[in-house]
Protein backbone atom coordinates (compact mmCIF):
# COMPACT_ATOMS: atom_id res chain seq x y z
CA MET A 1 69.67 26.09 18.81
CA PRO A 2 69.82 29.80 18.14
CA GLY A 3 71.13 29.60 14.66
CA SER A 4 67.76 27.69 13.60
CA ASP A 5 65.65 30.05 15.69
CA ASP A 6 67.34 32.93 13.53
CA LYS A 7 66.38 30.93 10.41
CA ARG A 8 63.08 29.91 11.16
CA PHE A 9 62.37 33.68 12.11
CA TYR A 10 63.72 34.54 8.84
CA ARG A 11 61.86 32.01 6.57
CA ASP A 12 58.56 32.94 8.54
CA LEU A 13 59.17 36.44 7.75
CA LYS A 14 60.06 35.78 4.15
CA ARG A 15 56.63 33.92 3.72
CA LYS A 16 54.38 36.77 5.38
CA ILE A 17 56.31 39.39 3.13
CA LYS A 18 55.33 37.43 -0.18
CA LYS A 19 51.87 36.33 0.96
CA ALA A 20 51.04 40.14 1.51
CA GLY A 21 52.79 41.24 -1.83
CA ASN A 22 50.93 38.66 -3.65
CA LYS A 23 47.29 39.57 -2.22
CA LYS A 24 48.16 43.10 -2.93
CA ARG A 25 49.05 42.34 -6.42
CA ARG A 26 45.95 40.12 -7.01
CA ARG A 27 43.62 42.88 -5.72
CA LEU A 28 45.22 45.36 -8.02
CA GLU A 29 45.38 43.21 -11.29
CA LYS A 30 41.24 42.48 -10.60
CA GLN A 31 40.46 46.17 -10.13
CA GLU A 32 43.04 46.94 -13.55
CA LEU A 33 40.90 44.08 -15.16
CA ALA A 34 37.47 45.81 -14.22
CA ASP A 35 38.24 49.40 -15.26
CA ASN A 36 40.65 48.68 -18.13
CA PRO A 37 40.15 45.35 -19.88
CA GLY A 38 42.09 45.81 -23.14
CA GLU A 39 45.54 47.35 -21.27
CA ALA A 40 45.23 45.23 -18.09
CA HIS A 41 48.11 42.75 -19.30
CA TRP A 42 50.09 45.69 -19.83
CA THR A 43 50.01 46.46 -16.05
CA GLU A 44 53.34 46.10 -13.95
CA TYR A 45 53.39 45.69 -10.25
CA GLU A 46 55.82 47.25 -7.79
CA TYR A 47 56.25 45.11 -5.05
CA GLY A 48 57.90 47.95 -2.87
CA ARG A 49 57.76 47.24 0.85
CA ASN A 50 56.41 43.86 0.38
CA SER A 51 59.31 42.78 -1.74
CA SER A 52 61.45 39.98 -0.01
CA GLU A 53 64.33 40.59 -2.36
CA TRP A 54 66.62 41.38 0.46
CA LEU A 55 65.68 38.17 2.22
CA ASN A 56 67.09 36.11 -0.70
CA GLY A 57 70.53 34.16 -0.13
CA MET A 58 70.67 34.70 3.70
CA ASP A 59 70.82 30.80 4.68
CA GLU A 60 74.35 29.49 3.92
CA ASP A 61 73.36 25.80 4.56
CA LYS A 62 75.43 23.02 3.44
CA THR A 63 72.16 21.92 1.69
CA ARG A 64 72.85 25.12 -0.72
CA GLU A 65 75.98 24.56 -1.43
CA SER A 66 76.65 25.97 -4.97
CA LYS A 67 77.36 23.14 -7.96
CA ASP A 68 80.89 24.00 -8.58
CA ASN A 69 81.36 23.91 -5.08
CA ARG A 70 80.24 20.20 -5.30
CA ARG A 71 81.78 19.48 -8.53
CA ARG A 72 85.16 20.50 -7.06
CA HIS A 73 84.89 18.29 -4.31
CA THR A 74 83.94 15.02 -6.38
CA ASP A 75 86.97 16.11 -8.78
CA ARG A 76 89.22 15.84 -5.87
CA GLY A 77 87.55 12.38 -4.79
CA ASP A 78 85.86 13.80 -1.63
CA THR A 79 82.70 12.70 -1.10
CA ASP A 80 79.35 14.04 1.19
CA SER A 81 78.45 11.41 3.01
CA ALA A 82 76.98 12.47 6.54
């Protein structure tokens, strides 16, 4: 199925991007804590190219149906039995 291959690819891509961003963020936080322990908690990290924000909401599965849509279906008497 071509659709599931794309979905798998984007999930894997997002997982790798998030892992890279977290590794870099943790490394920089440790360095900041060693260099300036008094101000380390104020440090903010910009993910930049390691941001997976652009991948959010790409899969439009039935399992990702919004609560409003589900509520509308149940109000009409429809059921989602598969």
